[in-house]
């Protein structure tokens, strides 16, 4: 085979191999691109960018309970409205808490509650106060020291989220403890007072509206 023939054969061989090489390279780049796309999609899903995780977390952070339906939908007494006011002011805009607000005013605790930071208030409804015999309630409302003791027993010096209530023991401003238990959207305080509208946010407090007034042991 002469030199010219060998050159021709060599060129033909290169021409035959070259498309295969380019095809292989192209396929490799495509695979890498697909892998990157899949990894990116997986990362997005893992980070909750699809919205389901964020939506679930947001739902868990909302007020819950049977009595929440009685809260005004709009205005200062609504959930959004209460979130912008300190707790005593926020409570004063909720019709279901008017007896509690009157008691707080009688005890001179409005500024104390409004100026406190990061607290939790277990707020008895009007119906909760109505469970107390009128003569007893009138006596308590007329005794500032006793009234202050009872009201400060409803206040914990830290913000409690629902999960904290599952099995908890917390120091109150009255200096004794309240006990909580439950799960999901069902919680009790001291074993008998039920949370009927929980996880209500105000500017300085988390509020759990309860159906029974809490009484300190001494």
N, C-alpha and C. Protein backbone atom coordinates (compact mmCIF):
# COMPACT_ATOMS: atom_id res chain seq x y z
N UNK A 1 0.85 -1.20 0.00
CA UNK A 1 0.00 0.00 0.00
C UNK A 1 0.88 1.24 0.00
N UNK A 2 0.68 2.13 -1.02
CA UNK A 2 1.55 3.30 -1.12
C UNK A 2 1.11 4.36 -0.10
N UNK A 3 1.90 5.41 0.00
CA UNK A 3 1.67 6.46 1.00
C UNK A 3 0.34 7.16 0.79
N UNK A 4 -0.03 7.43 -0.50
CA UNK A 4 -1.28 8.12 -0.77
C UNK A 4 -2.46 7.28 -0.33
N UNK A 5 -2.37 5.99 -0.57
CA UNK A 5 -3.48 5.11 -0.19
C UNK A 5 -3.67 5.07 1.32
N UNK A 6 -2.52 4.98 2.04
CA UNK A 6 -2.60 4.93 3.50
C UNK A 6 -3.24 6.21 4.05
N UNK A 7 -2.90 7.37 3.47
CA UNK A 7 -3.47 8.64 3.93
C UNK A 7 -4.99 8.66 3.72
N UNK A 8 -5.41 8.14 2.57
CA UNK A 8 -6.86 8.12 2.27
C UNK A 8 -7.62 7.26 3.27
N UNK A 9 -7.04 6.04 3.55
CA UNK A 9 -7.68 5.14 4.50
C UNK A 9 -7.76 5.79 5.89
N UNK A 10 -6.68 6.47 6.28
CA UNK A 10 -6.65 7.13 7.59
C UNK A 10 -7.70 8.21 7.71
N UNK A 11 -7.86 9.01 6.65
CA UNK A 11 -8.86 10.08 6.68
C UNK A 11 -10.26 9.52 6.76
N UNK A 12 -10.49 8.40 6.01
CA UNK A 12 -11.81 7.77 6.06
C UNK A 12 -12.12 7.25 7.47
N UNK A 13 -11.11 6.70 8.13
CA UNK A 13 -11.32 6.16 9.48
C UNK A 13 -11.67 7.28 10.45
N UNK A 14 -10.94 8.42 10.33
CA UNK A 14 -11.22 9.57 11.20
C UNK A 14 -12.61 10.09 10.95
N UNK A 15 -12.98 10.17 9.66
CA UNK A 15 -14.31 10.67 9.31
C UNK A 15 -15.40 9.78 9.88
N UNK A 16 -15.13 8.47 9.94
CA UNK A 16 -16.13 7.53 10.46
C UNK A 16 -16.25 7.64 11.98
N UNK A 17 -15.11 7.85 12.67
CA UNK A 17 -15.12 7.88 14.13
C UNK A 17 -15.62 9.20 14.68
N UNK A 18 -15.33 10.31 13.96
CA UNK A 18 -15.64 11.64 14.45
C UNK A 18 -17.12 11.84 14.82
N UNK A 19 -18.09 11.45 13.95
CA UNK A 19 -19.51 11.63 14.34
C UNK A 19 -19.89 10.89 15.60
N UNK A 20 -19.29 9.66 15.77
CA UNK A 20 -19.59 8.89 16.97
C UNK A 20 -19.08 9.60 18.21
N UNK A 21 -17.91 10.18 18.10
CA UNK A 21 -17.33 10.90 19.24
C UNK A 21 -18.16 12.12 19.61
N UNK A 22 -18.56 12.89 18.56
CA UNK A 22 -19.38 14.07 18.81
C UNK A 22 -20.73 13.70 19.43
N UNK A 23 -21.29 12.58 18.93
CA UNK A 23 -22.58 12.11 19.45
C UNK A 23 -22.46 11.75 20.92
N UNK A 24 -21.36 11.06 21.26
CA UNK A 24 -21.14 10.65 22.64
C UNK A 24 -20.99 11.86 23.55
N UNK A 25 -20.22 12.86 23.07
CA UNK A 25 -20.03 14.07 23.87
C UNK A 25 -21.35 14.80 24.06
N UNK A 26 -22.13 14.89 22.97
CA UNK A 26 -23.41 15.57 23.04
C UNK A 26 -24.34 14.88 24.02
N UNK A 27 -24.39 13.55 24.00
CA UNK A 27 -25.23 12.78 24.90
C UNK A 27 -24.82 12.99 26.34
N UNK A 28 -23.49 13.08 26.59
CA UNK A 28 -23.01 13.28 27.95
C UNK A 28 -23.43 14.62 28.49
N UNK A 29 -23.31 15.67 27.65
CA UNK A 29 -23.72 17.01 28.08
C UNK A 29 -25.22 17.06 28.36
N UNK A 30 -25.98 16.36 27.50
CA UNK A 30 -27.43 16.33 27.68
C UNK A 30 -27.80 15.65 28.98
N UNK A 31 -27.10 14.52 29.28
CA UNK A 31 -27.37 13.82 30.53
C UNK A 31 -27.06 14.70 31.72
N UNK A 32 -25.92 15.45 31.61
CA UNK A 32 -25.56 16.32 32.72
C UNK A 32 -26.62 17.40 32.92
N UNK A 33 -27.11 17.95 31.81
CA UNK A 33 -28.13 18.98 31.88
C UNK A 33 -29.40 18.44 32.51
N UNK A 34 -29.80 17.20 32.06
CA UNK A 34 -31.00 16.59 32.64
C UNK A 34 -30.83 16.36 34.13
N UNK A 35 -29.62 15.90 34.52
CA UNK A 35 -29.36 15.63 35.93
C UNK A 35 -29.46 16.91 36.75
N UNK A 36 -28.90 18.01 36.18
CA UNK A 36 -28.97 19.28 36.89
C UNK A 36 -30.41 19.74 37.05
N UNK A 37 -31.20 19.57 35.97
CA UNK A 37 -32.60 19.97 36.04
C UNK A 37 -33.35 19.18 37.09
N UNK A 38 -33.09 17.84 37.12
CA UNK A 38 -33.76 16.99 38.09
C UNK A 38 -33.35 17.36 39.51
N UNK A 39 -32.03 17.63 39.69
CA UNK A 39 -31.54 17.99 41.01
C UNK A 39 -32.16 19.30 41.47
N UNK A 40 -32.25 20.26 40.51
CA UNK A 40 -32.84 21.55 40.84
C UNK A 40 -34.30 21.40 41.25
N UNK A 41 -35.04 20.56 40.49
CA UNK A 41 -36.45 20.32 40.80
C UNK A 41 -36.60 19.67 42.16
N UNK A 42 -35.70 18.70 42.44
CA UNK A 42 -35.75 18.01 43.72
C UNK A 42 -35.47 18.97 44.86
N UNK A 43 -34.46 19.86 44.67
CA UNK A 43 -34.11 20.82 45.71
C UNK A 43 -35.26 21.77 45.96
N UNK A 44 -35.93 22.19 44.88
CA UNK A 44 -37.06 23.11 45.01
C UNK A 44 -38.16 22.47 45.83
N UNK A 45 -38.44 21.20 45.53
CA UNK A 45 -39.48 20.49 46.28
C UNK A 45 -39.08 20.35 47.73
N UNK A 46 -37.80 20.03 47.97
CA UNK A 46 -37.33 19.85 49.33
C UNK A 46 -37.37 21.13 50.14
N UNK A 47 -37.18 22.27 49.45
CA UNK A 47 -37.20 23.55 50.14
C UNK A 47 -38.60 24.09 50.32
N UNK A 48 -39.62 23.35 49.90
CA UNK A 48 -41.00 23.77 50.07
C UNK A 48 -41.42 24.86 49.11
N UNK A 49 -40.63 25.00 47.97
CA UNK A 49 -40.95 26.06 47.04
C UNK A 49 -42.27 25.80 46.33
N UNK A 50 -42.74 24.55 46.42
CA UNK A 50 -44.03 24.23 45.81
C UNK A 50 -45.18 24.86 46.58
N UNK A 51 -44.94 25.26 47.86
CA UNK A 51 -45.95 25.97 48.63
C UNK A 51 -46.68 25.12 49.64
N UNK A 52 -46.66 23.79 49.53
CA UNK A 52 -47.44 22.95 50.42
C UNK A 52 -46.94 23.03 51.85
N UNK A 53 -45.60 23.01 52.04
CA UNK A 53 -45.05 23.06 53.39
C UNK A 53 -45.35 24.40 54.03
N UNK A 54 -45.13 25.48 53.26
CA UNK A 54 -45.40 26.82 53.79
C UNK A 54 -46.87 26.97 54.16
N UNK A 55 -47.74 26.44 53.31
CA UNK A 55 -49.17 26.53 53.55
C UNK A 55 -49.55 25.80 54.83
N UNK A 56 -48.96 24.61 55.02
CA UNK A 56 -49.24 23.82 56.21
C UNK A 56 -48.77 24.54 57.46
N UNK A 57 -47.55 25.12 57.39
CA UNK A 57 -46.99 25.84 58.54
C UNK A 57 -47.85 27.06 58.86
N UNK A 58 -48.30 27.74 57.80
CA UNK A 58 -49.12 28.93 57.99
C UNK A 58 -50.44 28.57 58.66
N UNK A 59 -51.03 27.45 58.25
CA UNK A 59 -52.30 27.02 58.83
C UNK A 59 -52.15 26.70 60.30
N UNK A 60 -51.03 26.06 60.67
CA UNK A 60 -50.79 25.69 62.05
C UNK A 60 -50.61 26.92 62.94
N UNK A 61 -50.27 28.06 62.34
CA UNK A 61 -50.00 29.26 63.10
C UNK A 61 -51.25 30.13 63.26
N UNK A 62 -52.38 29.66 62.78
CA UNK A 62 -53.63 30.43 62.83
C UNK A 62 -54.40 30.16 64.12
N UNK A 63 -55.27 31.10 64.52
CA UNK A 63 -56.14 30.83 65.66
C UNK A 63 -57.02 29.60 65.41
N UNK A 64 -57.37 28.89 66.46
CA UNK A 64 -58.19 27.69 66.32
C UNK A 64 -59.15 27.58 67.50
N UNK A 65 -60.24 26.84 67.29
CA UNK A 65 -61.18 26.57 68.37
C UNK A 65 -62.59 27.01 68.03
N UNK A 66 -63.55 26.42 68.72
CA UNK A 66 -64.96 26.64 68.41
C UNK A 66 -65.40 28.09 68.60
N UNK A 67 -64.82 28.79 69.58
CA UNK A 67 -65.25 30.16 69.87
C UNK A 67 -64.62 31.18 68.92
N UNK A 68 -63.67 30.75 68.10
CA UNK A 68 -63.03 31.70 67.18
C UNK A 68 -64.04 32.26 66.18
N UNK A 69 -65.10 31.51 65.91
CA UNK A 69 -66.09 31.97 64.94
C UNK A 69 -66.85 33.20 65.42
N UNK A 70 -66.85 33.45 66.73
CA UNK A 70 -67.56 34.61 67.27
C UNK A 70 -66.72 35.89 67.25
N UNK A 71 -65.45 35.75 66.91
CA UNK A 71 -64.57 36.92 66.84
C UNK A 71 -64.94 37.73 65.59
N UNK A 72 -65.06 39.05 65.72
CA UNK A 72 -65.42 39.87 64.55
C UNK A 72 -64.48 39.62 63.36
N UNK A 73 -65.04 39.66 62.16
CA UNK A 73 -64.25 39.40 60.96
C UNK A 73 -63.38 40.58 60.56
N UNK A 74 -63.83 41.78 60.92
CA UNK A 74 -63.12 42.98 60.52
C UNK A 74 -63.02 43.96 61.69
N UNK A 75 -62.14 44.92 61.55
CA UNK A 75 -62.04 45.97 62.56
C UNK A 75 -61.06 45.64 63.67
N UNK A 76 -61.05 46.49 64.71
CA UNK A 76 -60.08 46.36 65.79
C UNK A 76 -60.24 45.07 66.58
N UNK A 77 -61.46 44.52 66.61
CA UNK A 77 -61.70 43.29 67.37
C UNK A 77 -61.47 42.02 66.60
N UNK A 78 -61.10 42.14 65.32
CA UNK A 78 -60.80 40.96 64.51
C UNK A 78 -59.40 40.44 64.84
N UNK A 79 -59.07 39.27 64.35
CA UNK A 79 -57.74 38.72 64.61
C UNK A 79 -56.65 39.64 64.08
N UNK A 80 -56.85 40.17 62.89
CA UNK A 80 -55.86 41.08 62.31
C UNK A 80 -55.77 42.36 63.13
N UNK A 81 -56.92 42.85 63.58
CA UNK A 81 -56.93 44.07 64.38
C UNK A 81 -56.24 43.88 65.72
N UNK A 82 -56.54 42.77 66.40
CA UNK A 82 -55.93 42.51 67.70
C UNK A 82 -54.42 42.34 67.60
N UNK A 83 -53.95 41.85 66.47
CA UNK A 83 -52.52 41.61 66.30
C UNK A 83 -51.70 42.90 66.32
N UNK A 84 -52.35 44.03 66.10
CA UNK A 84 -51.62 45.30 66.06
C UNK A 84 -51.67 46.05 67.39
N UNK A 85 -52.48 45.59 68.35
CA UNK A 85 -52.63 46.27 69.63
C UNK A 85 -52.02 45.46 70.77
N UNK A 86 -51.55 46.13 71.85
CA UNK A 86 -51.11 45.38 73.03
C UNK A 86 -52.32 44.67 73.65
N UNK A 87 -52.06 43.69 74.48
CA UNK A 87 -53.08 42.70 74.83
C UNK A 87 -54.32 43.27 75.53
N UNK A 88 -54.14 44.18 76.49
CA UNK A 88 -55.32 44.71 77.18
C UNK A 88 -56.20 45.53 76.24
N UNK A 89 -55.55 46.29 75.36
CA UNK A 89 -56.30 47.06 74.37
C UNK A 89 -56.99 46.13 73.39
N UNK A 90 -56.28 45.11 72.94
CA UNK A 90 -56.86 44.14 72.01
C UNK A 90 -58.07 43.46 72.62
N UNK A 91 -57.97 43.06 73.88
CA UNK A 91 -59.09 42.39 74.55
C UNK A 91 -60.30 43.31 74.66
N UNK A 92 -60.06 44.59 74.85
CA UNK A 92 -61.17 45.54 75.00
C UNK A 92 -61.99 45.68 73.72
N UNK A 93 -61.42 45.24 72.61
CA UNK A 93 -62.14 45.31 71.33
C UNK A 93 -62.86 44.01 70.99
N UNK A 94 -62.78 43.03 71.90
CA UNK A 94 -63.44 41.74 71.69
C UNK A 94 -64.65 41.65 72.62
N UNK A 95 -65.86 41.68 72.08
CA UNK A 95 -67.08 41.68 72.91
C UNK A 95 -67.16 40.50 73.88
N UNK A 96 -66.58 39.36 73.53
CA UNK A 96 -66.67 38.17 74.38
C UNK A 96 -65.80 38.27 75.62
N UNK A 97 -64.96 39.31 75.69
CA UNK A 97 -64.03 39.45 76.82
C UNK A 97 -64.32 40.70 77.66
N UNK A 98 -65.53 41.23 77.55
CA UNK A 98 -65.83 42.51 78.22
C UNK A 98 -65.75 42.41 79.74
N UNK A 99 -66.16 41.28 80.33
CA UNK A 99 -66.07 41.13 81.79
C UNK A 99 -64.62 41.09 82.23
N UNK A 100 -63.79 40.37 81.49
CA UNK A 100 -62.36 40.33 81.80
C UNK A 100 -61.76 41.73 81.72
N UNK A 101 -62.11 42.46 80.71
CA UNK A 101 -61.56 43.81 80.54
C UNK A 101 -61.98 44.71 81.70
N UNK A 102 -63.24 44.59 82.12
CA UNK A 102 -63.71 45.38 83.26
C UNK A 102 -62.93 45.03 84.52
N UNK A 103 -62.65 43.74 84.70
CA UNK A 103 -61.89 43.29 85.87
C UNK A 103 -60.46 43.82 85.82
N UNK A 104 -59.86 43.78 84.64
CA UNK A 104 -58.48 44.29 84.48
C UNK A 104 -58.42 45.78 84.81
N UNK A 105 -59.42 46.51 84.40
CA UNK A 105 -59.47 47.95 84.71
C UNK A 105 -59.64 48.18 86.21
N UNK A 106 -60.52 47.40 86.85
CA UNK A 106 -60.72 47.55 88.30
C UNK A 106 -59.45 47.26 89.08
N UNK A 107 -58.66 46.30 88.59
CA UNK A 107 -57.42 45.93 89.27
C UNK A 107 -56.26 46.87 88.92
N UNK A 108 -56.48 47.77 87.97
CA UNK A 108 -55.42 48.70 87.58
C UNK A 108 -54.29 48.02 86.83
N UNK A 109 -54.62 47.00 86.04
CA UNK A 109 -53.59 46.22 85.35
C UNK A 109 -53.46 46.51 83.86
N UNK A 110 -54.21 47.50 83.37
CA UNK A 110 -54.18 47.78 81.93
C UNK A 110 -52.76 48.10 81.46
N UNK A 111 -52.10 49.04 82.12
CA UNK A 111 -50.74 49.42 81.70
C UNK A 111 -49.75 48.28 81.92
N UNK A 112 -49.93 47.54 83.01
CA UNK A 112 -49.03 46.41 83.29
C UNK A 112 -49.07 45.40 82.14
N UNK A 113 -50.27 45.06 81.70
CA UNK A 113 -50.40 44.07 80.62
C UNK A 113 -49.97 44.65 79.27
N UNK A 114 -50.32 45.90 79.03
CA UNK A 114 -49.97 46.50 77.73
C UNK A 114 -48.47 46.72 77.58
N UNK A 115 -47.78 46.96 78.68
CA UNK A 115 -46.35 47.25 78.61
C UNK A 115 -45.47 46.01 78.75
N UNK A 116 -46.07 44.90 79.15
CA UNK A 116 -45.29 43.66 79.27
C UNK A 116 -44.87 43.18 77.88
N UNK A 117 -43.77 42.44 77.85
CA UNK A 117 -43.27 41.93 76.58
C UNK A 117 -43.29 40.40 76.56
N UNK A 118 -43.71 39.85 75.44
CA UNK A 118 -43.64 38.39 75.23
C UNK A 118 -44.30 37.60 76.35
N UNK A 119 -45.60 37.80 76.50
CA UNK A 119 -46.35 37.09 77.54
C UNK A 119 -47.44 36.23 76.90
N UNK A 120 -48.01 35.36 77.72
CA UNK A 120 -49.18 34.58 77.31
C UNK A 120 -50.31 34.87 78.28
N UNK A 121 -51.49 35.11 77.75
CA UNK A 121 -52.66 35.38 78.60
C UNK A 121 -53.73 34.32 78.33
N UNK A 122 -54.17 33.68 79.40
CA UNK A 122 -55.32 32.79 79.33
C UNK A 122 -56.53 33.65 79.68
N UNK A 123 -57.34 33.97 78.68
CA UNK A 123 -58.38 34.98 78.83
C UNK A 123 -59.76 34.34 78.97
N UNK A 124 -60.37 34.42 80.16
CA UNK A 124 -61.71 33.84 80.35
C UNK A 124 -62.78 34.64 79.60
N UNK A 125 -63.70 33.94 79.00
CA UNK A 125 -64.82 34.59 78.31
C UNK A 125 -65.82 35.14 79.33
N UNK A 126 -66.77 35.92 78.84
CA UNK A 126 -67.87 36.39 79.71
C UNK A 126 -68.61 35.20 80.31
N UNK A 127 -68.82 34.16 79.50
CA UNK A 127 -69.52 32.96 80.00
C UNK A 127 -68.73 32.29 81.12
N UNK A 128 -67.41 32.36 81.05
CA UNK A 128 -66.58 31.78 82.10
C UNK A 128 -66.82 32.51 83.42
N UNK A 129 -66.90 33.82 83.37
CA UNK A 129 -67.18 34.59 84.60
C UNK A 129 -68.60 34.32 85.10
N UNK A 130 -69.51 34.06 84.16
CA UNK A 130 -70.90 33.80 84.55
C UNK A 130 -71.06 32.49 85.31
N UNK A 131 -70.07 31.62 85.21
CA UNK A 131 -70.11 30.36 85.98
C UNK A 131 -69.91 30.61 87.47
N UNK A 132 -69.32 31.75 87.80
CA UNK A 132 -69.07 32.08 89.21
C UNK A 132 -70.35 32.69 89.80
N UNK A 133 -70.79 32.21 90.95
CA UNK A 133 -71.99 32.80 91.57
C UNK A 133 -71.85 34.32 91.67
N UNK A 134 -72.91 35.04 91.38
CA UNK A 134 -72.87 36.50 91.31
C UNK A 134 -72.34 37.13 92.60
N UNK A 135 -72.78 36.62 93.72
CA UNK A 135 -72.33 37.19 94.99
C UNK A 135 -70.82 37.03 95.15
N UNK A 136 -70.31 35.88 94.76
CA UNK A 136 -68.86 35.63 94.85
C UNK A 136 -68.10 36.52 93.89
N UNK A 137 -68.62 36.63 92.66
CA UNK A 137 -67.96 37.46 91.65
C UNK A 137 -67.95 38.92 92.08
N UNK A 138 -69.07 39.41 92.59
CA UNK A 138 -69.13 40.80 93.05
C UNK A 138 -68.13 41.05 94.18
N UNK A 139 -67.98 40.08 95.06
CA UNK A 139 -67.04 40.21 96.17
C UNK A 139 -65.60 40.29 95.65
N UNK A 140 -65.30 39.43 94.68
CA UNK A 140 -63.95 39.43 94.11
C UNK A 140 -63.66 40.73 93.38
N UNK A 141 -64.64 41.19 92.62
CA UNK A 141 -64.45 42.43 91.86
C UNK A 141 -64.29 43.64 92.79
N UNK A 142 -64.79 43.51 94.01
CA UNK A 142 -64.66 44.60 94.98
C UNK A 142 -63.41 44.52 95.83
N UNK A 143 -62.63 43.46 95.67
CA UNK A 143 -61.41 43.26 96.46
C UNK A 143 -60.21 43.34 95.50
N UNK A 144 -59.60 44.50 95.43
CA UNK A 144 -58.54 44.73 94.43
C UNK A 144 -57.38 43.75 94.58
N UNK A 145 -56.98 43.47 95.81
CA UNK A 145 -55.85 42.56 96.03
C UNK A 145 -56.17 41.16 95.54
N UNK A 146 -57.36 40.66 95.89
CA UNK A 146 -57.76 39.33 95.45
C UNK A 146 -57.96 39.28 93.94
N UNK A 147 -58.56 40.33 93.39
CA UNK A 147 -58.78 40.39 91.95
C UNK A 147 -57.45 40.39 91.19
N UNK A 148 -56.49 41.16 91.69
CA UNK A 148 -55.16 41.20 91.06
C UNK A 148 -54.50 39.83 91.10
N UNK A 149 -54.66 39.15 92.22
CA UNK A 149 -54.08 37.81 92.37
C UNK A 149 -54.66 36.85 91.33
N UNK A 150 -55.97 36.90 91.17
CA UNK A 150 -56.63 36.00 90.21
C UNK A 150 -56.24 36.34 88.78
N UNK A 151 -56.26 37.62 88.45
CA UNK A 151 -55.96 38.01 87.07
C UNK A 151 -54.51 37.72 86.68
N UNK A 152 -53.57 37.99 87.59
CA UNK A 152 -52.16 37.73 87.26
C UNK A 152 -51.87 36.23 87.20
N UNK A 153 -52.76 35.43 87.80
CA UNK A 153 -52.62 33.97 87.68
C UNK A 153 -52.92 33.51 86.25
N UNK A 154 -53.54 34.34 85.47
CA UNK A 154 -53.87 34.01 84.08
C UNK A 154 -52.77 34.43 83.10
N UNK A 155 -51.66 34.94 83.62
CA UNK A 155 -50.61 35.49 82.76
C UNK A 155 -49.29 34.75 82.98
N UNK A 156 -48.72 34.27 81.90
CA UNK A 156 -47.42 33.58 81.93
C UNK A 156 -46.38 34.50 81.29
N UNK A 157 -45.22 34.57 81.87
CA UNK A 157 -44.19 35.50 81.42
C UNK A 157 -43.39 35.05 80.21
N UNK A 158 -43.99 34.33 79.32
CA UNK A 158 -43.34 33.94 78.06
C UNK A 158 -44.42 33.64 77.04
N UNK A 159 -44.07 33.77 75.77
CA UNK A 159 -45.03 33.46 74.72
C UNK A 159 -45.07 31.96 74.49
N UNK A 160 -46.25 31.39 74.63
CA UNK A 160 -46.43 29.94 74.45
C UNK A 160 -47.13 29.67 73.13
N UNK A 161 -46.55 28.77 72.34
CA UNK A 161 -47.20 28.32 71.11
C UNK A 161 -47.99 27.06 71.45
N UNK A 162 -48.94 26.66 70.61
CA UNK A 162 -49.77 25.50 70.94
C UNK A 162 -48.99 24.27 71.36
N UNK A 163 -47.88 23.99 70.70
CA UNK A 163 -47.11 22.78 71.03
C UNK A 163 -46.60 22.81 72.46
N UNK A 164 -46.34 24.03 72.98
CA UNK A 164 -45.87 24.15 74.37
C UNK A 164 -46.93 23.68 75.36
N UNK A 165 -48.20 23.73 74.95
CA UNK A 165 -49.29 23.40 75.86
C UNK A 165 -49.55 21.90 75.98
N UNK A 166 -48.89 21.10 75.15
CA UNK A 166 -49.20 19.67 75.12
C UNK A 166 -49.04 19.01 76.48
N UNK A 167 -48.00 19.38 77.18
CA UNK A 167 -47.81 18.89 78.56
C UNK A 167 -46.87 19.87 79.24
N UNK A 168 -47.47 20.92 79.82
CA UNK A 168 -46.63 22.00 80.34
C UNK A 168 -46.95 22.42 81.75
N UNK A 169 -45.97 23.05 82.38
CA UNK A 169 -46.12 23.64 83.70
C UNK A 169 -45.42 24.99 83.63
N UNK A 170 -46.17 26.07 83.87
CA UNK A 170 -45.63 27.40 83.62
C UNK A 170 -45.84 28.33 84.81
N UNK A 171 -44.82 29.11 85.11
CA UNK A 171 -44.90 30.11 86.17
C UNK A 171 -45.76 31.28 85.71
N UNK A 172 -46.65 31.72 86.57
CA UNK A 172 -47.50 32.86 86.25
C UNK A 172 -46.97 34.11 86.94
N UNK A 173 -47.52 35.26 86.56
CA UNK A 173 -47.13 36.51 87.22
C UNK A 173 -47.59 36.54 88.67
N UNK A 174 -48.54 35.68 89.02
CA UNK A 174 -49.03 35.58 90.39
C UNK A 174 -48.06 34.78 91.27
N UNK A 175 -47.06 34.15 90.61
CA UNK A 175 -45.96 33.42 91.27
C UNK A 175 -46.26 31.95 91.54
N UNK A 176 -47.40 31.44 91.07
CA UNK A 176 -47.61 29.99 91.14
C UNK A 176 -47.77 29.47 89.71
N UNK A 177 -48.02 28.17 89.57
CA UNK A 177 -47.98 27.56 88.25
C UNK A 177 -49.37 27.22 87.70
N UNK A 178 -49.46 27.24 86.37
CA UNK A 178 -50.61 26.67 85.68
C UNK A 178 -50.12 25.44 84.92
N UNK A 179 -50.98 24.45 84.80
CA UNK A 179 -50.65 23.21 84.11
C UNK A 179 -51.49 23.10 82.85
N UNK A 180 -50.87 22.71 81.77
CA UNK A 180 -51.60 22.57 80.51
C UNK A 180 -51.40 21.18 79.93
N UNK A 181 -52.37 20.75 79.13
CA UNK A 181 -52.24 19.45 78.46
C UNK A 181 -53.14 19.45 77.23
N UNK A 182 -52.87 18.51 76.32
CA UNK A 182 -53.69 18.39 75.12
C UNK A 182 -52.85 18.19 73.88
N UNK A 183 -53.48 18.31 72.72
CA UNK A 183 -52.78 18.16 71.45
C UNK A 183 -53.68 18.71 70.34
N UNK A 184 -53.09 18.91 69.18
CA UNK A 184 -53.86 19.36 68.03
C UNK A 184 -54.53 20.69 68.27
N UNK A 185 -55.86 20.68 68.35
CA UNK A 185 -56.61 21.89 68.64
C UNK A 185 -57.45 21.73 69.90
N UNK A 186 -57.05 20.80 70.76
CA UNK A 186 -57.79 20.54 72.00
C UNK A 186 -56.85 20.61 73.20
N UNK A 187 -57.03 21.65 74.03
CA UNK A 187 -56.15 21.86 75.18
C UNK A 187 -56.96 22.25 76.40
N UNK A 188 -56.45 21.90 77.56
CA UNK A 188 -57.06 22.32 78.82
C UNK A 188 -55.99 22.95 79.70
N UNK A 189 -56.45 23.81 80.58
CA UNK A 189 -55.57 24.45 81.56
C UNK A 189 -56.06 24.03 82.94
N UNK A 190 -55.12 23.54 83.75
CA UNK A 190 -55.43 23.03 85.09
C UNK A 190 -56.49 21.93 85.05
N UNK A 191 -56.53 21.20 83.97
CA UNK A 191 -57.35 20.01 83.88
C UNK A 191 -58.82 20.22 83.58
N UNK A 192 -59.31 21.46 83.69
CA UNK A 192 -60.75 21.66 83.51
C UNK A 192 -61.12 22.84 82.62
N UNK A 193 -60.29 23.85 82.57
CA UNK A 193 -60.60 25.03 81.76
C UNK A 193 -60.16 24.77 80.32
N UNK A 194 -61.13 24.74 79.40
CA UNK A 194 -60.84 24.40 78.01
C UNK A 194 -60.49 25.63 77.18
N UNK A 195 -59.50 25.46 76.32
CA UNK A 195 -59.17 26.52 75.37
C UNK A 195 -60.22 26.48 74.26
N UNK A 196 -60.98 27.56 74.13
CA UNK A 196 -62.05 27.58 73.13
C UNK A 196 -61.68 28.41 71.90
N UNK A 197 -60.63 29.20 72.01
CA UNK A 197 -60.09 29.91 70.86
C UNK A 197 -58.62 30.19 71.17
N UNK A 198 -57.75 29.43 70.56
CA UNK A 198 -56.34 29.51 70.91
C UNK A 198 -55.46 30.14 69.86
N UNK A 199 -54.25 30.50 70.29
CA UNK A 199 -53.22 31.03 69.40
C UNK A 199 -53.63 32.36 68.77
N UNK A 200 -54.28 33.19 69.57
CA UNK A 200 -54.66 34.53 69.11
C UNK A 200 -53.48 35.47 69.38
N UNK A 201 -53.05 36.19 68.35
CA UNK A 201 -51.87 37.04 68.49
C UNK A 201 -52.27 38.49 68.79
N UNK A 202 -51.55 39.10 69.72
CA UNK A 202 -51.63 40.55 69.91
C UNK A 202 -50.20 41.07 69.76
N UNK A 203 -50.05 42.39 69.87
CA UNK A 203 -48.73 42.97 69.62
C UNK A 203 -47.68 42.48 70.62
N UNK A 204 -48.08 42.13 71.82
CA UNK A 204 -47.09 41.73 72.83
C UNK A 204 -47.41 40.40 73.51
N UNK A 205 -48.44 39.69 73.03
CA UNK A 205 -48.83 38.46 73.73
C UNK A 205 -49.48 37.45 72.80
N UNK A 206 -49.40 36.19 73.22
CA UNK A 206 -50.23 35.14 72.64
C UNK A 206 -51.39 34.91 73.61
N UNK A 207 -52.60 34.83 73.08
CA UNK A 207 -53.80 34.71 73.92
C UNK A 207 -54.50 33.39 73.65
N UNK A 208 -54.89 32.73 74.73
CA UNK A 208 -55.70 31.52 74.65
C UNK A 208 -56.98 31.80 75.42
N UNK A 209 -58.08 31.91 74.72
CA UNK A 209 -59.37 32.21 75.35
C UNK A 209 -59.92 30.92 75.96
N UNK A 210 -60.28 30.98 77.25
CA UNK A 210 -60.69 29.77 77.97
C UNK A 210 -62.12 29.91 78.50
N UNK A 211 -62.73 28.76 78.79
CA UNK A 211 -64.15 28.75 79.18
C UNK A 211 -64.39 28.73 80.68
N UNK A 212 -63.31 28.77 81.46
CA UNK A 212 -63.46 28.74 82.92
C UNK A 212 -62.38 29.63 83.55
N UNK A 213 -62.77 30.41 84.54
CA UNK A 213 -61.80 31.27 85.23
C UNK A 213 -60.85 30.40 86.03
N UNK A 214 -59.56 30.69 85.95
CA UNK A 214 -58.54 29.94 86.69
C UNK A 214 -58.39 30.52 88.09
N UNK A 215 -58.35 29.67 89.08
CA UNK A 215 -58.22 30.14 90.46
C UNK A 215 -56.93 29.62 91.08
N UNK A 216 -56.09 30.53 91.59
CA UNK A 216 -54.87 30.08 92.28
C UNK A 216 -55.26 29.34 93.56
N UNK A 217 -54.40 28.41 93.99
CA UNK A 217 -54.74 27.58 95.13
C UNK A 217 -54.76 28.33 96.44
N UNK A 218 -53.99 29.39 96.50
CA UNK A 218 -53.95 30.12 97.77
C UNK A 218 -54.02 31.62 97.54
